[in-house]
C-alpha atoms as a PDB file:
ATOM      1  CA  MET A   1      44.443 117.830  94.415  1.00  0.00           C
ATOM      2  CA  ALA A   2      47.806 119.259  95.395  1.00  0.00           C
ATOM      3  CA  ASP A   3      47.511 118.146  99.024  1.00  0.00           C
ATOM      4  CA  THR A   4      47.053 114.458  98.115  1.00  0.00           C
ATOM      5  CA  TRP A   5      50.035 112.189  98.731  1.00  0.00           C
ATOM      6  CA  LYS A   6      48.479 108.847  97.697  1.00  0.00           C
ATOM      7  CA  VAL A   7      45.019 107.289  97.541  1.00  0.00           C
ATOM      8  CA  CYS A   8      43.668 104.448  99.655  1.00  0.00           C
ATOM      9  CA  SER A   9      44.083 101.088  97.920  1.00  0.00           C
ATOM     10  CA  VAL A  10      40.547 100.026  98.887  1.00  0.00           C
ATOM     11  CA  CYS A  11      38.171 103.009  98.944  1.00  0.00           C
ATOM     12  CA  ARG A  12      40.269 105.386  96.797  1.00  0.00           C
ATOM     13  CA  LYS A  13      39.956 108.280  99.283  1.00  0.00           C
ATOM     14  CA  SER A  14      42.837 110.747  99.345  1.00  0.00           C
ATOM     15  CA  ILE A  15      45.651 110.414 101.858  1.00  0.00           C
ATOM     16  CA  ALA A  16      46.989 113.908 102.452  1.00  0.00           C
ATOM     17  CA  PHE A  17      50.569 114.917 103.160  1.00  0.00           C
ATOM     18  CA  GLY A  18      51.294 114.523 106.886  1.00  0.00           C
ATOM     19  CA  GLN A  19      48.204 112.340 107.479  1.00  0.00           C
ATOM     20  CA  LEU A  20      48.261 109.026 109.344  1.00  0.00           C
ATOM     21  CA  TYR A  21      47.748 105.972 107.156  1.00  0.00           C
ATOM     22  CA  TYR A  22      48.113 102.212 107.522  1.00  0.00           C
ATOM     23  CA  ALA A  23      50.374  99.796 105.703  1.00  0.00           C
ATOM     24  CA  CYS A  24      50.340  96.012 105.744  1.00  0.00           C
ATOM     25  CA  ASN A  25      53.386  94.494 107.438  1.00  0.00           C
ATOM     26  CA  VAL A  26      53.659  91.701 104.846  1.00  0.00           C
ATOM     27  CA  SER A  27      56.546  92.318 102.446  1.00  0.00           C
ATOM     28  CA  THR A  28      54.589  91.351  99.325  1.00  0.00           C
ATOM     29  CA  CYS A  29      52.139  94.193 100.035  1.00  0.00           C
ATOM     30  CA  ASN A  30      54.962  96.709 100.384  1.00  0.00           C
ATOM     31  CA  ARG A  31      56.888  96.063  97.190  1.00  0.00           C
ATOM     32  CA  LYS A  32      57.566  99.072  95.020  1.00  0.00           C
ATOM     33  CA  ARG A  33      55.117  97.957  92.320  1.00  0.00           C
ATOM     34  CA  THR A  34      52.257  96.904  94.614  1.00  0.00           C
ATOM     35  CA  ALA A  35      52.717  99.310  97.558  1.00  0.00           C
ATOM     36  CA  LEU A  36      49.331  99.282  99.274  1.00  0.00           C
ATOM     37  CA  TYR A  37      48.171 102.226 101.411  1.00  0.00           C
ATOM     38  CA  PHE A  38      45.059 102.311 103.594  1.00  0.00           C
ATOM     39  CA  CYS A  39      43.262 105.367 104.997  1.00  0.00           C
ATOM     40  CA  SER A  40      41.641 103.487 107.905  1.00  0.00           C
ATOM     41  CA  MET A  41      41.665 100.186 109.760  1.00  0.00           C
ATOM     42  CA  GLU A  42      38.366  99.295 108.059  1.00  0.00           C
ATOM     43  CA  CYS A  43      40.056  99.520 104.659  1.00  0.00           C
ATOM     44  CA  TRP A  44      42.999  97.470 105.885  1.00  0.00           C
ATOM     45  CA  ASP A  45      40.566  94.826 107.210  1.00  0.00           C
ATOM     46  CA  ALA A  46      38.838  94.737 103.811  1.00  0.00           C
ATOM     47  CA  HIS A  47      42.206  93.909 102.214  1.00  0.00           C
ATOM     48  CA  LEU A  48      42.768  90.774 104.316  1.00  0.00           C
ATOM     49  CA  PRO A  49      40.292  88.283 102.778  1.00  0.00           C
ATOM     50  CA  GLU A  50      41.743  88.606  99.282  1.00  0.00           C
ATOM     51  CA  ALA A  51      45.371  88.822 100.464  1.00  0.00           C
ATOM     52  CA  ARG A  52      45.179  85.530 102.400  1.00  0.00           C
ATOM     53  CA  HIS A  53      48.044  86.329 104.764  1.00  0.00           C
ATOM     54  CA  ARG A  54      48.874  83.804 107.463  1.00  0.00           C
ATOM     55  CA  GLU A  55      49.813  86.410 110.021  1.00  0.00           C
ATOM     56  CA  ALA A  56      49.487  90.123 109.349  1.00  0.00           C
ATOM     57  CA  TRP A  57      48.988  93.409 111.123  1.00  0.00           C
ATOM     58  CA  ALA A  58      48.640  97.027 110.142  1.00  0.00           C
ATOM     59  CA  GLU A  59      51.503  99.432 110.728  1.00  0.00           C
ATOM     60  CA  GLU A  60      50.512 103.009 111.481  1.00  0.00           C
ATOM     61  CA  LYS A  61      52.621 105.447 109.479  1.00  0.00           C
ATOM     62  CA  THR A  62      52.651 109.138 108.649  1.00  0.00           C
ATOM     63  CA  ALA A  63      52.707 110.405 105.080  1.00  0.00           C
ATOM     64  CA  PRO A  64      55.618 112.703 104.154  1.00  0.00           C
ATOM     65  CA  ALA A  65      55.251 116.387 104.980  1.00  0.00           C
ATOM     66  CA  SER A  66      55.169 117.434 101.301  1.00  0.00           C
END
């Protein structure tokens, strides 16, 4: 899949180049080794129970153009 930038950390669906995706605002979720990416708000919500963040929100981002 040449048009895939990354895959969703929860459902494993493809995130294409230039597509909107969501990232957790918590720094431990955005480290180089763990870097979590979510294709939808539902997937981001599914991440919360196991992450146990005190205060977190999703940041809407756009994947690189290619």
